Protein backbone atom coordinates (compact mmCIF):
# COMPACT_ATOMS: atom_id res chain seq x y z
CA UNK A 1 -5.09 -15.56 6.79
CA UNK A 2 -1.53 -14.47 6.12
CA UNK A 3 -0.34 -11.07 7.34
CA UNK A 4 1.44 -8.85 4.85
CA UNK A 5 4.98 -7.69 5.50
CA UNK A 6 5.23 -4.25 7.11
CA UNK A 7 7.01 -2.23 4.43
CA UNK A 8 7.19 1.02 6.40
CA UNK A 9 6.03 2.76 9.55
CA UNK A 10 4.58 5.86 7.93
CA UNK A 11 2.65 6.61 4.75
CA UNK A 12 4.24 7.67 1.49
CA UNK A 13 2.79 10.96 0.27
CA UNK A 14 2.82 11.26 -3.51
CA UNK A 15 1.23 13.44 -6.16
CA UNK A 16 -0.35 11.17 -8.74
CA UNK A 17 -1.76 11.96 -12.15
CA UNK A 18 -5.21 10.78 -13.14
CA UNK A 19 -5.09 7.10 -13.99
CA UNK A 20 -5.07 3.56 -12.66
CA UNK A 21 -2.54 2.27 -10.13
CA UNK A 22 -1.67 -1.07 -8.54
CA UNK A 23 -1.20 -0.78 -4.77
CA UNK A 24 1.04 -3.38 -3.11
CA UNK A 25 -0.89 -5.37 -0.47
CA UNK A 26 1.80 -7.95 0.34
CA UNK A 27 4.50 -5.56 1.55
CA UNK A 28 7.18 -7.32 -0.53
CA UNK A 29 7.39 -4.82 -3.40
CA UNK A 30 10.68 -2.95 -3.80
CA UNK A 31 8.65 -0.13 -5.39
CA UNK A 32 6.48 0.75 -2.34
CA UNK A 33 3.67 1.57 -2.20
CA UNK A 34 3.12 0.25 -5.70
CA UNK A 35 3.11 -3.35 -6.89
CA UNK A 36 6.19 -4.72 -8.67
CA UNK A 37 4.97 -8.31 -8.94
CA UNK A 38 6.64 -9.55 -5.74
CA UNK A 39 3.25 -10.87 -4.57
CA UNK A 40 3.69 -13.85 -6.88
CA UNK A 41 5.44 -15.67 -4.01
CA UNK A 42 2.62 -14.83 -1.56
CA UNK A 43 -1.13 -15.30 -1.19
CA UNK A 44 -1.74 -11.58 -1.86
CA UNK A 45 -2.88 -9.72 -4.96
CA UNK A 46 -2.36 -6.02 -5.76
CA UNK A 47 -5.29 -3.68 -5.22
CA UNK A 48 -6.15 -1.57 -8.22
CA UNK A 49 -7.32 2.00 -7.66
CA UNK A 50 -8.18 4.82 -10.01
CA UNK A 51 -7.87 8.59 -9.67
CA UNK A 52 -10.13 10.73 -11.82
CA UNK A 53 -7.85 13.75 -11.49
CA UNK A 54 -4.37 14.66 -10.30
CA UNK A 55 -4.24 14.39 -6.54
CA UNK A 56 -1.82 14.26 -3.61
CA UNK A 57 -2.45 11.12 -1.56
CA UNK A 58 -0.97 9.40 1.49
CA UNK A 59 -0.57 5.71 0.69
CA UNK A 60 -0.21 3.09 3.42
CA UNK A 61 3.08 1.22 3.81
CA UNK A 62 2.39 -0.58 7.10
CA UNK A 63 -0.21 -2.78 5.35
CA UNK A 64 -2.39 -2.78 8.47
CA UNK A 65 -4.94 -0.22 7.26
CA UNK A 66 -8.64 -1.07 7.30
CA UNK A 67 -8.64 -1.53 3.53
CA UNK A 68 -7.75 0.33 0.40
CA UNK A 69 -4.48 2.01 -0.43
CA UNK A 70 -4.95 5.15 1.66
CA UNK A 71 -3.37 5.62 5.08
CA UNK A 72 -5.86 5.52 7.94
CA UNK A 73 -3.34 5.99 10.75
CA UNK A 74 -2.94 2.29 11.53
CA UNK A 75 0.85 2.76 11.58
CA UNK A 76 0.51 4.71 14.85
CA UNK A 77 -0.76 1.53 16.53
CA UNK A 78 1.86 -0.87 15.21
CA UNK A 79 3.21 -3.28 17.74
CA UNK A 80 6.46 -5.08 17.26
CA UNK A 81 5.62 -7.95 14.91
């Protein structure tokens, strides 16, 4: 399985309105942490997620989290790749 590109070494904290979002899983998007279609040259697909209400969230940019768009601290264990 391909590894996604590490887009950052810390999460991006954003306040999002209720709605649906496309989280970048490939690490190639220029609009991190959101998908901009750059995955088309990779084997990855964006991950859709929905917020029922406005919320401040920390979204993963290292792309090594256990799954989902939310930071789980995996960036603290990054080794030089």
